[in-house]
Amino acid sequence: MYKAQKGFTLIELVVVIVLLGILGVTALGKFQDLSADAQEAANSGVASELSSASSINYAARVLDPTVAVDLSADGITCASLVDGSATSLLAVALPVTKYTVTGTGNCATGGPGSTFTCDIEEIPAVAGIVNGTAAVICTP
């Protein structure tokens, strides 16, 4: 009497391993470059957040000049707008280990409603990564 053996043959196992390898290589290409895309999205998000905060700040100052952050002087540094202090446009400071924010605005020279730009760059800078640019509106 022969006993029926249970299990897979060597050929079946090899075919399954080859198919899994092909699927793995195909999927790897889709996930390989996501870190650069994620960093570009983060840079763009920080720039958008700063631009939106500037717009809200400008509207608040137009309605009531005693509230919000006064952006009417020359020599305003972009770094001071994102440090989380009382004169910052952002409630929470940016993580200083991830970004540098550069730029200086001359609002007294340009006047209320004029704009200046702040550049958001990741640390360390990576070639090919798009950095964010925020437009900041000078207040009355």
Protein backbone atom coordinates (compact mmCIF):
# COMPACT_ATOMS: atom_id res chain seq x y z
CA MET A 1 0.00 0.00 0.00
CA TYR A 2 1.09 3.46 -0.91
CA LYS A 3 0.47 6.38 1.38
CA ALA A 4 -0.67 9.59 -0.30
CA GLN A 5 1.86 12.31 0.42
CA LYS A 6 0.67 15.79 1.21
CA GLY A 7 2.52 18.98 0.30
CA PHE A 8 3.81 20.94 -2.66
CA THR A 9 6.19 19.77 -5.30
CA LEU A 10 9.51 21.47 -5.83
CA ILE A 11 8.32 22.90 -9.16
CA GLU A 12 5.25 24.47 -7.56
CA LEU A 13 7.38 26.13 -4.87
CA VAL A 14 9.87 27.50 -7.42
CA VAL A 15 7.05 28.94 -9.56
CA VAL A 16 5.51 30.70 -6.55
CA ILE A 17 8.88 32.14 -5.48
CA VAL A 18 9.56 33.44 -9.01
CA LEU A 19 6.11 35.05 -9.19
CA LEU A 20 6.59 36.72 -5.79
CA GLY A 21 9.97 38.00 -6.95
CA ILE A 22 8.46 39.55 -10.08
CA LEU A 23 5.69 41.21 -8.05
CA GLY A 24 8.23 42.49 -5.52
CA VAL A 25 10.45 44.09 -8.16
CA THR A 26 7.45 45.71 -9.82
CA ALA A 27 6.15 47.15 -6.53
CA LEU A 28 9.59 48.36 -5.42
CA GLY A 29 9.78 50.80 -8.32
CA LYS A 30 6.61 52.50 -7.18
CA PHE A 31 7.85 53.05 -3.62
CA GLN A 32 11.48 53.81 -4.33
CA ASP A 33 11.25 57.59 -4.85
CA LEU A 34 8.54 58.49 -2.35
CA SER A 35 10.90 60.24 0.09
CA ALA A 36 11.71 63.01 -2.42
CA ASP A 37 8.02 63.48 -3.20
CA ALA A 38 7.22 63.59 0.50
CA GLN A 39 9.90 66.22 1.14
CA GLU A 40 8.66 68.40 -1.72
CA ALA A 41 5.12 68.15 -0.34
CA ALA A 42 6.35 69.11 3.13
CA ASN A 43 8.24 72.14 1.76
CA SER A 44 5.18 73.22 -0.20
CA GLY A 45 2.95 72.71 2.85
CA VAL A 46 5.12 74.87 5.08
CA ALA A 47 5.19 77.61 2.43
CA SER A 48 1.39 77.44 2.07
CA GLU A 49 0.94 77.57 5.83
CA LEU A 50 3.11 80.69 6.09
CA SER A 51 1.31 82.38 3.16
CA SER A 52 -2.10 81.62 4.68
CA ALA A 53 -1.03 82.85 8.10
CA SER A 54 0.19 86.06 6.48
CA SER A 55 -3.16 86.59 4.73
CA ILE A 56 -5.08 86.06 7.96
CA ASN A 57 -2.70 88.39 9.81
CA TYR A 58 -3.16 91.11 7.17
CA ALA A 59 -6.96 90.83 7.31
CA ALA A 60 -6.93 91.03 11.12
CA ARG A 61 -4.71 94.15 11.07
CA VAL A 62 -6.97 95.85 8.51
CA LEU A 63 -10.01 95.24 10.70
CA ASP A 64 -8.32 96.20 13.97
CA PRO A 65 -4.77 97.68 13.93
CA THR A 66 -4.26 96.73 17.58
CA VAL A 67 -4.38 92.98 16.96
CA ALA A 68 -2.20 90.49 15.13
CA VAL A 69 1.47 90.84 14.22
CA ASP A 70 2.74 94.23 13.03
CA LEU A 71 4.59 93.74 9.73
CA SER A 72 5.15 97.39 8.80
CA ALA A 73 8.89 97.86 9.38
CA ASP A 74 11.96 97.25 7.25
CA GLY A 75 14.30 94.35 7.97
CA ILE A 76 11.66 91.78 8.95
CA THR A 77 13.33 88.37 8.83
CA CYS A 78 11.37 85.39 7.64
CA ALA A 79 12.92 83.26 10.39
CA SER A 80 11.21 85.44 13.02
CA LEU A 81 7.82 84.76 11.42
CA VAL A 82 8.03 81.00 12.01
CA ASP A 83 9.81 80.67 15.36
CA GLY A 84 6.67 80.28 17.50
CA SER A 85 7.30 83.48 19.50
CA ALA A 86 4.75 86.21 20.21
CA THR A 87 5.70 87.98 16.96
CA SER A 88 5.48 84.81 14.88
CA LEU A 89 2.75 84.16 12.32
CA LEU A 90 2.72 80.45 13.21
CA ALA A 91 1.43 79.25 16.57
CA VAL A 92 3.96 76.41 16.67
CA ALA A 93 7.56 76.85 15.61
CA LEU A 94 8.86 74.92 12.62
CA PRO A 95 11.15 72.00 13.48
CA VAL A 96 14.53 73.73 13.18
CA THR A 97 16.27 70.47 12.36
CA LYS A 98 14.23 70.04 9.16
CA TYR A 99 13.93 73.48 7.53
CA THR A 100 15.64 76.81 7.12
CA VAL A 101 13.52 79.84 6.38
CA THR A 102 15.35 82.65 4.64
CA GLY A 103 14.40 86.07 3.36
CA THR A 104 13.98 89.62 4.59
CA GLY A 105 11.11 92.02 4.00
CA ASN A 106 11.17 95.79 3.73
CA CYS A 107 7.60 96.73 4.54
CA ALA A 108 8.21 100.40 5.44
CA THR A 109 9.71 100.91 1.99
CA GLY A 110 7.02 98.92 0.16
CA GLY A 111 4.09 100.03 2.27
CA PRO A 112 0.96 98.22 3.46
CA GLY A 113 -0.21 95.51 1.12
CA SER A 114 3.18 95.00 -0.48
CA THR A 115 4.65 91.51 -0.34
CA PHE A 116 7.99 89.85 0.16
CA THR A 117 8.99 86.23 -0.19
CA CYS A 118 10.33 83.70 2.25
CA ASP A 119 12.12 80.58 1.02
CA ILE A 120 11.67 77.28 2.84
CA GLU A 121 14.53 74.85 2.29
CA GLU A 122 15.14 71.50 3.86
CA ILE A 123 18.21 70.67 5.93
CA PRO A 124 20.42 69.26 4.51
CA ALA A 125 19.68 70.58 1.05
CA VAL A 126 19.19 67.86 -1.54
CA ALA A 127 19.65 68.54 -5.24
CA GLY A 128 16.45 68.17 -7.23
CA ILE A 129 14.11 68.77 -4.28
CA VAL A 130 11.75 71.67 -4.89
CA ASN A 131 11.83 74.21 -2.09
CA GLY A 132 8.78 76.19 -0.99
CA THR A 133 8.29 79.91 -1.43
CA ALA A 134 5.81 81.84 0.72
CA ALA A 135 4.42 85.30 -0.01
CA VAL A 136 4.12 87.47 3.11
CA ILE A 137 1.89 90.57 3.06
CA CYS A 138 3.01 93.76 4.82
CA THR A 139 0.44 95.14 7.26
CA PRO A 140 -0.80 98.69 7.78
